[in-house]
C-alpha atoms as a PDB file:
ATOM      1  CA  MET A   1      79.359  24.236 -35.914  1.00  0.00           C
ATOM      2  CA  ARG A   2      80.807  27.248 -34.506  1.00  0.00           C
ATOM      3  CA  PRO A   3      80.848  27.255 -30.710  1.00  0.00           C
ATOM      4  CA  ASP A   4      80.776  30.732 -29.959  1.00  0.00           C
ATOM      5  CA  SER A   5      77.820  31.544 -31.864  1.00  0.00           C
ATOM      6  CA  PRO A   6      74.057  31.615 -30.626  1.00  0.00           C
ATOM      7  CA  THR A   7      72.917  29.319 -32.948  1.00  0.00           C
ATOM      8  CA  GLY A   8      75.481  26.850 -34.033  1.00  0.00           C
ATOM      9  CA  ALA A   9      75.861  28.865 -37.112  1.00  0.00           C
ATOM     10  CA  PRO A  10      77.895  31.724 -38.544  1.00  0.00           C
ATOM     11  CA  ILE A  11      76.056  35.294 -37.610  1.00  0.00           C
ATOM     12  CA  ARG A  12      75.315  36.476 -41.313  1.00  0.00           C
ATOM     13  CA  THR A  13      77.521  40.394 -41.032  1.00  0.00           C
ATOM     14  CA  LEU A  14      76.695  43.142 -43.306  1.00  0.00           C
ATOM     15  CA  VAL A  15      79.198  46.032 -43.530  1.00  0.00           C
ATOM     16  CA  VAL A  16      77.552  49.329 -44.675  1.00  0.00           C
ATOM     17  CA  ASP A  17      79.788  52.701 -44.948  1.00  0.00           C
ATOM     18  CA  ASP A  18      80.657  55.047 -47.552  1.00  0.00           C
ATOM     19  CA  GLU A  19      84.641  54.661 -46.669  1.00  0.00           C
ATOM     20  CA  PRO A  20      86.526  51.979 -48.239  1.00  0.00           C
ATOM     21  CA  VAL A  21      88.985  52.534 -45.617  1.00  0.00           C
ATOM     22  CA  ALA A  22      86.826  52.224 -42.841  1.00  0.00           C
ATOM     23  CA  ARG A  23      85.207  49.102 -44.841  1.00  0.00           C
ATOM     24  CA  GLU A  24      88.619  47.268 -44.817  1.00  0.00           C
ATOM     25  CA  THR A  25      89.084  47.964 -41.057  1.00  0.00           C
ATOM     26  CA  LEU A  26      85.125  46.546 -40.419  1.00  0.00           C
ATOM     27  CA  THR A  27      85.852  43.686 -42.749  1.00  0.00           C
ATOM     28  CA  GLY A  28      89.357  42.792 -41.102  1.00  0.00           C
ATOM     29  CA  LEU A  29      88.406  42.677 -37.644  1.00  0.00           C
ATOM     30  CA  ILE A  30      85.191  40.792 -38.838  1.00  0.00           C
ATOM     31  CA  ALA A  31      87.298  38.050 -40.550  1.00  0.00           C
ATOM     32  CA  ARG A  32      88.899  37.530 -36.959  1.00  0.00           C
ATOM     33  CA  GLU A  33      85.698  36.772 -35.291  1.00  0.00           C
ATOM     34  CA  PRO A  34      85.124  32.730 -35.602  1.00  0.00           C
ATOM     35  CA  ASP A  35      81.390  32.760 -35.706  1.00  0.00           C
ATOM     36  CA  LEU A  36      81.027  36.317 -38.180  1.00  0.00           C
ATOM     37  CA  GLU A  37      80.108  35.572 -41.462  1.00  0.00           C
ATOM     38  CA  LEU A  38      80.905  38.819 -43.643  1.00  0.00           C
ATOM     39  CA  VAL A  39      78.097  38.228 -46.436  1.00  0.00           C
ATOM     40  CA  GLY A  40      78.607  41.804 -47.787  1.00  0.00           C
ATOM     41  CA  GLU A  41      79.644  45.792 -47.920  1.00  0.00           C
ATOM     42  CA  GLY A  42      78.340  48.530 -49.358  1.00  0.00           C
ATOM     43  CA  ALA A  43      77.145  52.186 -48.774  1.00  0.00           C
ATOM     44  CA  GLY A  44      73.847  54.107 -49.232  1.00  0.00           C
ATOM     45  CA  ARG A  45      70.799  53.297 -51.185  1.00  0.00           C
ATOM     46  CA  ALA A  46      73.041  50.294 -52.824  1.00  0.00           C
ATOM     47  CA  ALA A  47      73.540  48.948 -49.298  1.00  0.00           C
ATOM     48  CA  SER A  48      69.994  49.160 -48.232  1.00  0.00           C
ATOM     49  CA  ARG A  49      69.049  46.684 -51.323  1.00  0.00           C
ATOM     50  CA  LEU A  50      71.985  44.596 -50.196  1.00  0.00           C
ATOM     51  CA  ALA A  51      70.553  44.168 -46.572  1.00  0.00           C
ATOM     52  CA  ARG A  52      66.822  43.615 -48.276  1.00  0.00           C
ATOM     53  CA  ARG A  53      68.262  40.974 -50.270  1.00  0.00           C
ATOM     54  CA  LEU A  54      70.908  39.013 -47.912  1.00  0.00           C
ATOM     55  CA  LYS A  55      68.952  39.537 -44.687  1.00  0.00           C
ATOM     56  CA  PRO A  56      71.913  39.601 -42.364  1.00  0.00           C
ATOM     57  CA  GLU A  57      71.381  39.014 -38.321  1.00  0.00           C
ATOM     58  CA  LEU A  58      74.192  41.655 -37.630  1.00  0.00           C
ATOM     59  CA  VAL A  59      74.993  45.205 -39.781  1.00  0.00           C
ATOM     60  CA  PHE A  60      77.875  47.553 -39.013  1.00  0.00           C
ATOM     61  CA  LEU A  61      76.601  50.882 -39.951  1.00  0.00           C
ATOM     62  CA  ASP A  62      77.939  54.174 -40.779  1.00  0.00           C
ATOM     63  CA  VAL A  63      75.522  57.037 -39.375  1.00  0.00           C
ATOM     64  CA  ARG A  64      76.469  59.661 -42.318  1.00  0.00           C
ATOM     65  CA  MET A  65      76.641  58.494 -45.661  1.00  0.00           C
ATOM     66  CA  PRO A  66      75.534  60.417 -48.641  1.00  0.00           C
ATOM     67  CA  GLY A  67      72.166  59.798 -50.544  1.00  0.00           C
ATOM     68  CA  LEU A  68      70.960  57.710 -47.263  1.00  0.00           C
ATOM     69  CA  ASP A  69      72.288  57.853 -43.970  1.00  0.00           C
ATOM     70  CA  GLY A  70      72.225  54.695 -41.546  1.00  0.00           C
ATOM     71  CA  LEU A  71      69.714  55.712 -39.436  1.00  0.00           C
ATOM     72  CA  ALA A  72      67.213  56.098 -42.228  1.00  0.00           C
ATOM     73  CA  LEU A  73      68.554  52.769 -43.938  1.00  0.00           C
ATOM     74  CA  LEU A  74      67.574  50.752 -40.726  1.00  0.00           C
ATOM     75  CA  ALA A  75      64.555  52.767 -40.204  1.00  0.00           C
ATOM     76  CA  GLY A  76      63.067  51.494 -44.020  1.00  0.00           C
ATOM     77  CA  LEU A  77      63.985  47.911 -43.743  1.00  0.00           C
ATOM     78  CA  PRO A  78      61.753  45.278 -43.070  1.00  0.00           C
ATOM     79  CA  GLU A  79      61.004  43.407 -39.868  1.00  0.00           C
ATOM     80  CA  PRO A  80      62.795  41.768 -38.240  1.00  0.00           C
ATOM     81  CA  ARG A  81      65.790  43.961 -38.407  1.00  0.00           C
ATOM     82  CA  PRO A  82      69.324  42.891 -38.065  1.00  0.00           C
ATOM     83  CA  LEU A  83      71.125  44.131 -35.002  1.00  0.00           C
ATOM     84  CA  ALA A  84      72.532  47.250 -35.721  1.00  0.00           C
ATOM     85  CA  VAL A  85      76.051  48.560 -34.634  1.00  0.00           C
ATOM     86  CA  MET A  86      76.283  52.262 -35.284  1.00  0.00           C
ATOM     87  CA  VAL A  87      79.814  53.505 -36.554  1.00  0.00           C
ATOM     88  CA  THR A  88      80.773  57.014 -37.029  1.00  0.00           C
ATOM     89  CA  ALA A  89      83.078  59.848 -36.005  1.00  0.00           C
ATOM     90  CA  PHE A  90      80.558  62.343 -34.483  1.00  0.00           C
ATOM     91  CA  GLU A  91      79.351  61.857 -30.799  1.00  0.00           C
ATOM     92  CA  GLU A  92      76.506  63.469 -30.725  1.00  0.00           C
ATOM     93  CA  HIS A  93      74.455  60.862 -32.720  1.00  0.00           C
ATOM     94  CA  ALA A  94      75.202  58.537 -29.444  1.00  0.00           C
ATOM     95  CA  ILE A  95      71.188  59.363 -28.381  1.00  0.00           C
ATOM     96  CA  ALA A  96      69.768  59.146 -31.943  1.00  0.00           C
ATOM     97  CA  ALA A  97      71.280  55.854 -32.673  1.00  0.00           C
ATOM     98  CA  PHE A  98      70.271  54.556 -29.184  1.00  0.00           C
ATOM     99  CA  ASP A  99      66.228  55.762 -30.074  1.00  0.00           C
ATOM    100  CA  ALA A 100      66.987  53.792 -33.058  1.00  0.00           C
ATOM    101  CA  GLY A 101      67.483  50.562 -31.699  1.00  0.00           C
ATOM    102  CA  ALA A 102      71.217  50.086 -32.218  1.00  0.00           C
ATOM    103  CA  VAL A 103      72.758  47.588 -29.752  1.00  0.00           C
ATOM    104  CA  ASP A 104      75.982  49.703 -29.399  1.00  0.00           C
ATOM    105  CA  TYR A 105      78.112  52.705 -30.771  1.00  0.00           C
ATOM    106  CA  LEU A 106      81.277  52.609 -31.915  1.00  0.00           C
ATOM    107  CA  LEU A 107      83.146  55.970 -32.429  1.00  0.00           C
ATOM    108  CA  LYS A 108      85.870  56.263 -35.056  1.00  0.00           C
ATOM    109  CA  PRO A 109      88.792  55.521 -34.051  1.00  0.00           C
ATOM    110  CA  PHE A 110      87.831  52.506 -32.309  1.00  0.00           C
ATOM    111  CA  SER A 111      90.492  49.924 -30.819  1.00  0.00           C
ATOM    112  CA  ASP A 112      90.191  46.041 -31.662  1.00  0.00           C
ATOM    113  CA  GLU A 113      88.744  45.505 -27.869  1.00  0.00           C
ATOM    114  CA  ARG A 114      86.048  48.065 -28.360  1.00  0.00           C
ATOM    115  CA  PHE A 115      84.901  46.362 -31.301  1.00  0.00           C
ATOM    116  CA  ALA A 116      84.845  42.650 -29.777  1.00  0.00           C
ATOM    117  CA  HIS A 117      82.962  44.373 -27.154  1.00  0.00           C
ATOM    118  CA  SER A 118      80.202  45.201 -29.538  1.00  0.00           C
ATOM    119  CA  VAL A 119      80.303  42.291 -30.777  1.00  0.00           C
ATOM    120  CA  GLY A 120      79.873  40.390 -27.630  1.00  0.00           C
ATOM    121  CA  ARG A 121      77.069  41.991 -26.777  1.00  0.00           C
ATOM    122  CA  ALA A 122      75.180  41.150 -30.215  1.00  0.00           C
ATOM    123  CA  ARG A 123      76.059  37.617 -29.502  1.00  0.00           C
ATOM    124  CA  ALA A 124      74.394  37.948 -26.503  1.00  0.00           C
ATOM    125  CA  ILE A 125      71.408  39.376 -27.778  1.00  0.00           C
ATOM    126  CA  LEU A 126      71.242  36.525 -30.491  1.00  0.00           C
ATOM    127  CA  ARG A 127      71.422  34.095 -27.928  1.00  0.00           C
ATOM    128  CA  ALA A 128      68.643  35.955 -26.000  1.00  0.00           C
ATOM    129  CA  ARG A 129      66.287  35.750 -28.973  1.00  0.00           C
ATOM    130  CA  GLN A 130      67.023  32.237 -29.715  1.00  0.00           C
ATOM    131  CA  SER A 131      66.005  31.249 -25.906  1.00  0.00           C
ATOM    132  CA  ALA A 132      63.050  33.610 -25.932  1.00  0.00           C
ATOM    133  CA  PRO A 133      62.066  34.855 -29.733  1.00  0.00           C
ATOM    134  CA  GLY A 134      60.720  37.979 -29.843  1.00  0.00           C
ATOM    135  CA  ALA A 135      61.641  39.345 -26.532  1.00  0.00           C
ATOM    136  CA  PRO A 136      62.589  43.011 -25.938  1.00  0.00           C
ATOM    137  CA  VAL A 137      66.221  43.107 -25.806  1.00  0.00           C
ATOM    138  CA  ARG A 138      67.097  46.334 -24.401  1.00  0.00           C
ATOM    139  CA  ARG A 139      69.074  46.320 -21.471  1.00  0.00           C
ATOM    140  CA  ARG A 140      70.372  49.969 -21.097  1.00  0.00           C
ATOM    141  CA  LEU A 141      69.167  53.497 -22.487  1.00  0.00           C
ATOM    142  CA  ALA A 142      71.166  56.436 -23.565  1.00  0.00           C
ATOM    143  CA  VAL A 143      69.624  59.397 -22.311  1.00  0.00           C
ATOM    144  CA  PRO A 144      71.133  63.414 -22.566  1.00  0.00           C
ATOM    145  CA  ASP A 145      73.580  64.256 -19.631  1.00  0.00           C
ATOM    146  CA  GLY A 146      74.916  67.813 -19.981  1.00  0.00           C
ATOM    147  CA  PRO A 147      76.725  67.977 -23.305  1.00  0.00           C
ATOM    148  CA  GLY A 148      77.340  64.405 -23.446  1.00  0.00           C
ATOM    149  CA  THR A 149      75.576  60.961 -23.132  1.00  0.00           C
ATOM    150  CA  ARG A 150      74.911  58.641 -20.375  1.00  0.00           C
ATOM    151  CA  LEU A 151      74.128  55.121 -20.537  1.00  0.00           C
ATOM    152  CA  ILE A 152      71.952  53.773 -17.843  1.00  0.00           C
ATOM    153  CA  GLU A 153      70.707  50.385 -17.000  1.00  0.00           C
ATOM    154  CA  CYS A 154      67.263  49.507 -17.699  1.00  0.00           C
ATOM    155  CA  GLY A 155      67.030  48.305 -14.109  1.00  0.00           C
ATOM    156  CA  GLU A 156      67.517  51.499 -12.391  1.00  0.00           C
ATOM    157  CA  ILE A 157      64.553  53.070 -14.109  1.00  0.00           C
ATOM    158  CA  ASP A 158      62.464  53.305 -11.478  1.00  0.00           C
ATOM    159  CA  TRP A 159      59.113  55.100 -13.675  1.00  0.00           C
ATOM    160  CA  ILE A 160      59.044  57.075 -17.007  1.00  0.00           C
ATOM    161  CA  GLU A 161      56.136  59.440 -18.022  1.00  0.00           C
ATOM    162  CA  ALA A 162      55.020  61.086 -21.104  1.00  0.00           C
ATOM    163  CA  ALA A 163      56.360  64.796 -21.544  1.00  0.00           C
ATOM    164  CA  GLY A 164      54.773  65.930 -24.665  1.00  0.00           C
ATOM    165  CA  SER A 165      56.638  64.934 -27.724  1.00  0.00           C
ATOM    166  CA  TRP A 166      59.619  63.501 -25.155  1.00  0.00           C
ATOM    167  CA  VAL A 167      59.397  61.294 -22.177  1.00  0.00           C
ATOM    168  CA  ARG A 168      60.838  61.859 -18.795  1.00  0.00           C
ATOM    169  CA  VAL A 169      62.638  58.772 -17.371  1.00  0.00           C
ATOM    170  CA  HIS A 170      62.972  58.881 -13.459  1.00  0.00           C
ATOM    171  CA  ALA A 171      65.927  56.728 -12.736  1.00  0.00           C
ATOM    172  CA  SER A 172      68.103  56.636  -9.223  1.00  0.00           C
ATOM    173  CA  GLY A 173      67.004  59.937  -8.108  1.00  0.00           C
ATOM    174  CA  ARG A 174      67.582  61.910 -10.738  1.00  0.00           C
ATOM    175  CA  HIS A 175      65.179  62.535 -14.346  1.00  0.00           C
ATOM    176  CA  HIS A 176      66.443  62.504 -18.058  1.00  0.00           C
ATOM    177  CA  LEU A 177      64.613  63.966 -20.785  1.00  0.00           C
ATOM    178  CA  VAL A 178      64.546  61.855 -24.210  1.00  0.00           C
ATOM    179  CA  ARG A 179      62.731  62.271 -27.025  1.00  0.00           C
ATOM    180  CA  GLY A 180      60.263  59.709 -27.756  1.00  0.00           C
ATOM    181  CA  SER A 181      56.626  58.052 -26.310  1.00  0.00           C
ATOM    182  CA  VAL A 182      55.866  55.677 -23.754  1.00  0.00           C
ATOM    183  CA  ALA A 183      54.381  53.658 -26.426  1.00  0.00           C
ATOM    184  CA  SER A 184      57.632  53.387 -28.008  1.00  0.00           C
ATOM    185  CA  LEU A 185      60.006  52.530 -24.725  1.00  0.00           C
ATOM    186  CA  GLN A 186      57.315  50.109 -24.219  1.00  0.00           C
ATOM    187  CA  ARG A 187      58.138  48.296 -26.991  1.00  0.00           C
ATOM    188  CA  VAL A 188      61.852  47.627 -26.060  1.00  0.00           C
ATOM    189  CA  LEU A 189      61.474  47.444 -22.550  1.00  0.00           C
ATOM    190  CA  ASP A 190      61.422  44.036 -20.785  1.00  0.00           C
ATOM    191  CA  PRO A 191      57.717  43.069 -20.545  1.00  0.00           C
ATOM    192  CA  GLU A 192      57.997  41.008 -17.397  1.00  0.00           C
ATOM    193  CA  ARG A 193      59.780  44.056 -15.806  1.00  0.00           C
ATOM    194  CA  PHE A 194      57.899  47.310 -17.027  1.00  0.00           C
ATOM    195  CA  PHE A 195      54.534  47.532 -16.899  1.00  0.00           C
ATOM    196  CA  ARG A 196      52.430  50.519 -18.309  1.00  0.00           C
ATOM    197  CA  VAL A 197      49.872  51.361 -15.718  1.00  0.00           C
ATOM    198  CA  HIS A 198      48.146  54.161 -17.969  1.00  0.00           C
ATOM    199  CA  ARG A 199      48.629  56.054 -20.984  1.00  0.00           C
ATOM    200  CA  SER A 200      51.216  58.262 -19.879  1.00  0.00           C
ATOM    201  CA  ALA A 201      53.108  56.208 -17.138  1.00  0.00           C
ATOM    202  CA  LEU A 202      55.351  53.301 -17.586  1.00  0.00           C
ATOM    203  CA  VAL A 203      56.770  51.344 -14.298  1.00  0.00           C
ATOM    204  CA  ASN A 204      59.441  49.490 -13.213  1.00  0.00           C
ATOM    205  CA  LEU A 205      57.436  46.676 -10.713  1.00  0.00           C
ATOM    206  CA  ASP A 206      60.646  45.933  -9.162  1.00  0.00           C
ATOM    207  CA  ARG A 207      59.862  49.298  -7.641  1.00  0.00           C
ATOM    208  CA  VAL A 208      56.411  49.186  -6.649  1.00  0.00           C
ATOM    209  CA  LYS A 209      56.152  49.099  -3.061  1.00  0.00           C
ATOM    210  CA  SER A 210      52.329  49.053  -2.183  1.00  0.00           C
ATOM    211  CA  LEU A 211      49.012  48.866  -4.219  1.00  0.00           C
ATOM    212  CA  ALA A 212      45.694  50.172  -2.575  1.00  0.00           C
ATOM    213  CA  PRO A 213      42.145  50.714  -3.851  1.00  0.00           C
ATOM    214  CA  TRP A 214      41.806  54.454  -4.688  1.00  0.00           C
ATOM    215  CA  SER A 215      38.479  55.358  -6.372  1.00  0.00           C
ATOM    216  CA  HIS A 216      36.290  54.231  -9.440  1.00  0.00           C
ATOM    217  CA  GLY A 217      37.940  50.903  -9.703  1.00  0.00           C
ATOM    218  CA  ASP A 218      41.232  52.308 -10.162  1.00  0.00           C
ATOM    219  CA  TRP A 219      44.475  51.645  -7.632  1.00  0.00           C
ATOM    220  CA  LEU A 220      47.049  53.594  -6.251  1.00  0.00           C
ATOM    221  CA  LEU A 221      50.432  52.415  -7.079  1.00  0.00           C
ATOM    222  CA  GLU A 222      53.106  53.894  -4.059  1.00  0.00           C
ATOM    223  CA  LEU A 223      56.793  53.446  -5.326  1.00  0.00           C
ATOM    224  CA  HIS A 224      59.986  52.969  -2.986  1.00  0.00           C
ATOM    225  CA  ASP A 225      60.943  56.565  -4.048  1.00  0.00           C
ATOM    226  CA  GLY A 226      57.753  57.724  -2.370  1.00  0.00           C
ATOM    227  CA  THR A 227      55.816  58.467  -5.993  1.00  0.00           C
ATOM    228  CA  GLU A 228      52.549  57.873  -6.470  1.00  0.00           C
ATOM    229  CA  LEU A 229      50.644  56.772  -9.351  1.00  0.00           C
ATOM    230  CA  ARG A 230      47.188  55.906 -10.449  1.00  0.00           C
ATOM    231  CA  LEU A 231      46.309  52.127 -11.627  1.00  0.00           C
ATOM    232  CA  SER A 232      43.381  52.443 -14.149  1.00  0.00           C
ATOM    233  CA  ARG A 233      41.116  49.816 -13.651  1.00  0.00           C
ATOM    234  CA  THR A 234      41.016  48.665 -17.610  1.00  0.00           C
ATOM    235  CA  ARG A 235      44.990  47.591 -16.674  1.00  0.00           C
ATOM    236  CA  ARG A 236      44.307  46.054 -13.403  1.00  0.00           C
ATOM    237  CA  ARG A 237      43.934  42.768 -14.648  1.00  0.00           C
ATOM    238  CA  GLY A 238      47.191  42.836 -16.738  1.00  0.00           C
ATOM    239  CA  LEU A 239      49.250  44.040 -13.912  1.00  0.00           C
ATOM    240  CA  GLU A 240      47.726  40.633 -11.678  1.00  0.00           C
ATOM    241  CA  ARG A 241      48.960  38.498 -14.406  1.00  0.00           C
ATOM    242  CA  LEU A 242      52.358  39.651 -13.716  1.00  0.00           C
ATOM    243  CA  VAL A 243      52.617  39.952 -10.039  1.00  0.00           C
ATOM    244  CA  GLY A 244      49.530  37.684  -8.501  1.00  0.00           C
ATOM    245  CA  ARG A 245      46.304  38.683  -7.391  1.00  0.00           C
ATOM    246  CA  LEU A 246      45.901  42.360  -5.527  1.00  0.00           C
ATOM    247  CA  HIS A 247      43.844  41.245  -2.581  1.00  0.00           C
ATOM    248  CA  THR A 248      40.783  43.902  -1.950  1.00  0.00           C
ATOM    249  CA  ALA A 249      40.797  45.883   1.109  1.00  0.00           C
END
């Protein structure tokens, strides 16, 4: 048994990169981790077939490869997909990587310490999955911040609203536009904390200050920042199950 592994078994790990030197660097670092087991390496469509056959738990995946890029490869894998650490020399791919569900993002060239940090994050997520199978694991969200990218803790989020083909994430007095939908974020956020109060809004229940009857069976939620949101009557019972009975006035 390997004590650092979440399950006691080695974490089956795959390396996908079209550059032999990059693959050699990653496989060498993996060999130093006592709880990682390298099951294969490759690039492009051959790597996609390899991933389907070997069913790794963790994959270090280059974003840009000829023939099939890493994001398309990951999206094409059947569920349950492996945890993915995206590896690239291009910082502008960070948002797309996190939107695709990557657990971390290694920017080439990276240090041994930064690699170890990514492995540690993957271990923690696998441990959480083992103790609560199927539970969402997203703890941080990548958002645009000027010319760069900012990672915000999901616990900092107040609420999320639909904005066309984007969502507007309200967090710590600021808002950030992120490509995606309310439904896609709902799937990756903690269901014990985030609740969809109606079709276009997702709320962090830790930020709810009060609830009051409104009209036609709907309720009005007030957040600590003063935001008021409608809770549709069809979703009231789901909220009751999370926070207890809502007492009528």
